[in-house]
Amino acid sequence: MLIDLLVHGPASRADLARRAGLSPASLTRITRSLVDVDPVTESDAAFPQRTGRPSQPMDVNVDLAHLVASSSRRPS
């Protein structure tokens, strides 16, 4: 997810979940823990939507000095 945000820029939780193949609830749990320790931030600006609650874009906290990423996928 962090790589996705770095490559594609700010995105809603719904978009991140869709691209990662995760349920929205799973992605919310992951992002909540990342927001708590600061590598990911929630923007106050909302993405415009046609219906429902406006989504808050998630982004990488660029104020951090270091970012470490890992993958649990094995190379093919």
N, C-alpha and C. Protein backbone atom coordinates (compact mmCIF):
# COMPACT_ATOMS: atom_id res chain seq x y z
N MET A 1 0.81 -1.18 0.00
CA MET A 1 0.00 0.00 0.00
C MET A 1 0.87 1.26 0.00
N LEU A 2 1.95 1.25 0.76
CA LEU A 2 2.82 2.43 0.78
C LEU A 2 3.42 2.68 -0.61
N ILE A 3 3.84 1.61 -1.27
CA ILE A 3 4.39 1.76 -2.63
C ILE A 3 3.32 2.32 -3.56
N ASP A 4 2.10 1.82 -3.44
CA ASP A 4 0.99 2.31 -4.26
C ASP A 4 0.81 3.81 -4.06
N LEU A 5 0.83 4.26 -2.81
CA LEU A 5 0.67 5.69 -2.54
C LEU A 5 1.85 6.50 -3.08
N LEU A 6 3.05 5.95 -2.98
CA LEU A 6 4.23 6.64 -3.52
C LEU A 6 4.15 6.76 -5.04
N VAL A 7 3.73 5.69 -5.69
CA VAL A 7 3.70 5.67 -7.15
C VAL A 7 2.51 6.46 -7.71
N HIS A 8 1.32 6.26 -7.12
CA HIS A 8 0.11 6.84 -7.69
C HIS A 8 -0.38 8.09 -6.98
N GLY A 9 0.19 8.42 -5.83
CA GLY A 9 -0.25 9.61 -5.11
C GLY A 9 -1.43 9.32 -4.22
N PRO A 10 -2.01 10.36 -3.62
CA PRO A 10 -3.11 10.19 -2.67
C PRO A 10 -4.26 9.39 -3.27
N ALA A 11 -4.85 8.54 -2.42
CA ALA A 11 -5.97 7.70 -2.87
C ALA A 11 -6.91 7.44 -1.70
N SER A 12 -8.15 7.18 -2.02
CA SER A 12 -9.11 6.84 -0.98
C SER A 12 -8.87 5.41 -0.51
N ARG A 13 -9.38 5.09 0.67
CA ARG A 13 -9.27 3.72 1.18
C ARG A 13 -9.93 2.73 0.22
N ALA A 14 -11.06 3.13 -0.35
CA ALA A 14 -11.77 2.24 -1.28
C ALA A 14 -10.91 1.93 -2.51
N ASP A 15 -10.24 2.95 -3.05
CA ASP A 15 -9.37 2.73 -4.21
C ASP A 15 -8.17 1.86 -3.83
N LEU A 16 -7.58 2.13 -2.67
CA LEU A 16 -6.44 1.32 -2.22
C LEU A 16 -6.85 -0.13 -2.01
N ALA A 17 -8.01 -0.35 -1.41
CA ALA A 17 -8.49 -1.72 -1.17
C ALA A 17 -8.71 -2.44 -2.49
N ARG A 18 -9.31 -1.76 -3.44
CA ARG A 18 -9.58 -2.36 -4.75
C ARG A 18 -8.28 -2.75 -5.44
N ARG A 19 -7.29 -1.84 -5.43
CA ARG A 19 -6.02 -2.13 -6.11
C ARG A 19 -5.22 -3.21 -5.41
N ALA A 20 -5.37 -3.32 -4.08
CA ALA A 20 -4.62 -4.33 -3.32
C ALA A 20 -5.36 -5.66 -3.23
N GLY A 21 -6.61 -5.68 -3.66
CA GLY A 21 -7.39 -6.91 -3.57
C GLY A 21 -7.80 -7.26 -2.15
N LEU A 22 -7.98 -6.23 -1.33
CA LEU A 22 -8.37 -6.42 0.06
C LEU A 22 -9.80 -5.93 0.28
N SER A 23 -10.40 -6.40 1.35
CA SER A 23 -11.72 -5.87 1.70
C SER A 23 -11.52 -4.47 2.29
N PRO A 24 -12.53 -3.61 2.17
CA PRO A 24 -12.41 -2.27 2.76
C PRO A 24 -12.12 -2.32 4.27
N ALA A 25 -12.72 -3.30 4.97
CA ALA A 25 -12.48 -3.41 6.42
C ALA A 25 -11.02 -3.76 6.71
N SER A 26 -10.44 -4.67 5.93
CA SER A 26 -9.03 -5.03 6.14
C SER A 26 -8.12 -3.84 5.89
N LEU A 27 -8.40 -3.12 4.81
CA LEU A 27 -7.55 -1.98 4.50
C LEU A 27 -7.69 -0.90 5.56
N THR A 28 -8.89 -0.70 6.10
CA THR A 28 -9.09 0.28 7.16
C THR A 28 -8.26 -0.09 8.39
N ARG A 29 -8.24 -1.37 8.76
CA ARG A 29 -7.42 -1.80 9.91
C ARG A 29 -5.94 -1.52 9.66
N ILE A 30 -5.48 -1.81 8.46
CA ILE A 30 -4.07 -1.58 8.12
C ILE A 30 -3.75 -0.09 8.16
N THR A 31 -4.59 0.72 7.50
CA THR A 31 -4.29 2.15 7.45
C THR A 31 -4.39 2.80 8.81
N ARG A 32 -5.32 2.33 9.66
CA ARG A 32 -5.44 2.90 11.00
C ARG A 32 -4.12 2.72 11.77
N SER A 33 -3.53 1.53 11.67
CA SER A 33 -2.27 1.30 12.38
C SER A 33 -1.15 2.12 11.77
N LEU A 34 -1.16 2.32 10.46
CA LEU A 34 -0.11 3.12 9.81
C LEU A 34 -0.27 4.61 10.14
N VAL A 35 -1.50 5.08 10.22
CA VAL A 35 -1.73 6.49 10.59
C VAL A 35 -1.27 6.71 12.03
N ASP A 36 -1.50 5.73 12.91
CA ASP A 36 -1.09 5.85 14.31
C ASP A 36 0.42 6.00 14.47
N VAL A 37 1.20 5.33 13.62
CA VAL A 37 2.66 5.41 13.74
C VAL A 37 3.28 6.38 12.74
N ASP A 38 2.45 7.02 11.92
CA ASP A 38 2.80 8.18 11.08
C ASP A 38 3.33 7.98 9.67
N PRO A 39 3.58 6.79 9.12
CA PRO A 39 4.05 6.78 7.73
C PRO A 39 2.95 7.14 6.73
N VAL A 40 1.69 7.07 7.17
CA VAL A 40 0.56 7.41 6.30
C VAL A 40 -0.26 8.49 6.99
N THR A 41 -0.73 9.44 6.19
CA THR A 41 -1.55 10.52 6.73
C THR A 41 -2.91 10.54 6.03
N GLU A 42 -3.90 11.08 6.72
CA GLU A 42 -5.21 11.32 6.14
C GLU A 42 -5.32 12.80 5.85
N SER A 43 -5.72 13.13 4.67
CA SER A 43 -5.87 14.53 4.29
C SER A 43 -7.20 15.06 4.80
N ASP A 44 -7.24 16.34 5.08
CA ASP A 44 -8.50 16.98 5.47
C ASP A 44 -9.38 17.23 4.26
N ALA A 45 -8.75 17.31 3.08
CA ALA A 45 -9.52 17.51 1.85
C ALA A 45 -10.23 16.20 1.50
N ALA A 46 -11.40 16.31 0.94
CA ALA A 46 -12.17 15.11 0.58
C ALA A 46 -12.27 14.99 -0.94
N PHE A 47 -12.20 13.75 -1.42
CA PHE A 47 -12.42 13.51 -2.84
C PHE A 47 -13.90 13.70 -3.13
N PRO A 48 -14.23 14.39 -4.20
CA PRO A 48 -15.66 14.54 -4.53
C PRO A 48 -16.25 13.20 -4.97
N GLN A 49 -17.45 12.92 -4.51
CA GLN A 49 -18.17 11.71 -4.90
C GLN A 49 -19.58 12.09 -5.25
N ARG A 50 -20.23 11.23 -6.00
CA ARG A 50 -21.62 11.51 -6.38
C ARG A 50 -22.58 11.22 -5.23
N THR A 51 -22.34 10.12 -4.51
CA THR A 51 -23.24 9.76 -3.41
C THR A 51 -22.43 9.32 -2.21
N GLY A 52 -23.08 9.27 -1.07
CA GLY A 52 -22.44 8.75 0.13
C GLY A 52 -21.50 9.75 0.79
N ARG A 53 -20.82 9.23 1.79
CA ARG A 53 -19.90 10.04 2.57
C ARG A 53 -18.65 10.35 1.75
N PRO A 54 -18.16 11.59 1.78
CA PRO A 54 -16.93 11.91 1.04
C PRO A 54 -15.75 11.10 1.60
N SER A 55 -14.88 10.66 0.71
CA SER A 55 -13.73 9.87 1.16
C SER A 55 -12.53 10.78 1.41
N GLN A 56 -11.78 10.45 2.45
CA GLN A 56 -10.58 11.19 2.77
C GLN A 56 -9.39 10.52 2.08
N PRO A 57 -8.63 11.28 1.30
CA PRO A 57 -7.47 10.68 0.66
C PRO A 57 -6.38 10.32 1.67
N MET A 58 -5.75 9.19 1.43
CA MET A 58 -4.61 8.75 2.22
C MET A 58 -3.35 9.09 1.42
N ASP A 59 -2.27 9.41 2.11
CA ASP A 59 -1.01 9.71 1.43
C ASP A 59 0.15 9.33 2.33
N VAL A 60 1.33 9.20 1.74
CA VAL A 60 2.54 8.91 2.49
C VAL A 60 2.98 10.20 3.17
N ASN A 61 3.38 10.09 4.43
CA ASN A 61 3.87 11.24 5.18
C ASN A 61 5.29 11.55 4.70
N VAL A 62 5.43 12.57 3.87
CA VAL A 62 6.72 12.91 3.29
C VAL A 62 7.65 13.60 4.29
N ASP A 63 7.14 13.92 5.47
CA ASP A 63 7.98 14.55 6.48
C ASP A 63 8.86 13.53 7.22
N LEU A 64 8.58 12.25 7.02
CA LEU A 64 9.42 11.24 7.66
C LEU A 64 10.76 11.15 6.94
N ALA A 65 11.79 10.89 7.69
CA ALA A 65 13.14 10.82 7.10
C ALA A 65 13.36 9.51 6.37
N HIS A 66 12.73 8.42 6.81
CA HIS A 66 12.98 7.11 6.22
C HIS A 66 11.67 6.37 6.00
N LEU A 67 11.66 5.55 4.97
CA LEU A 67 10.51 4.70 4.70
C LEU A 67 11.03 3.32 4.36
N VAL A 68 10.52 2.32 5.05
CA VAL A 68 10.93 0.95 4.80
C VAL A 68 9.70 0.19 4.33
N ALA A 69 9.87 -0.57 3.25
CA ALA A 69 8.75 -1.36 2.72
C ALA A 69 9.19 -2.79 2.56
N SER A 70 8.24 -3.70 2.69
CA SER A 70 8.54 -5.11 2.48
C SER A 70 7.39 -5.77 1.78
N SER A 71 7.64 -6.93 1.24
CA SER A 71 6.62 -7.69 0.54
C SER A 71 6.66 -9.12 1.04
N SER A 72 5.48 -9.71 1.15
CA SER A 72 5.42 -11.11 1.57
C SER A 72 5.24 -12.03 0.36
N ARG A 73 5.25 -11.46 -0.83
CA ARG A 73 5.11 -12.26 -2.04
C ARG A 73 6.44 -12.88 -2.44
N ARG A 74 6.36 -14.08 -2.92
CA ARG A 74 7.57 -14.75 -3.41
C ARG A 74 7.70 -14.48 -4.91
N PRO A 75 8.93 -14.32 -5.38
CA PRO A 75 9.12 -14.09 -6.82
C PRO A 75 8.63 -15.29 -7.62
N SER A 76 8.09 -15.05 -8.77
CA SER A 76 7.58 -16.14 -9.63
C SER A 76 8.69 -16.86 -10.33
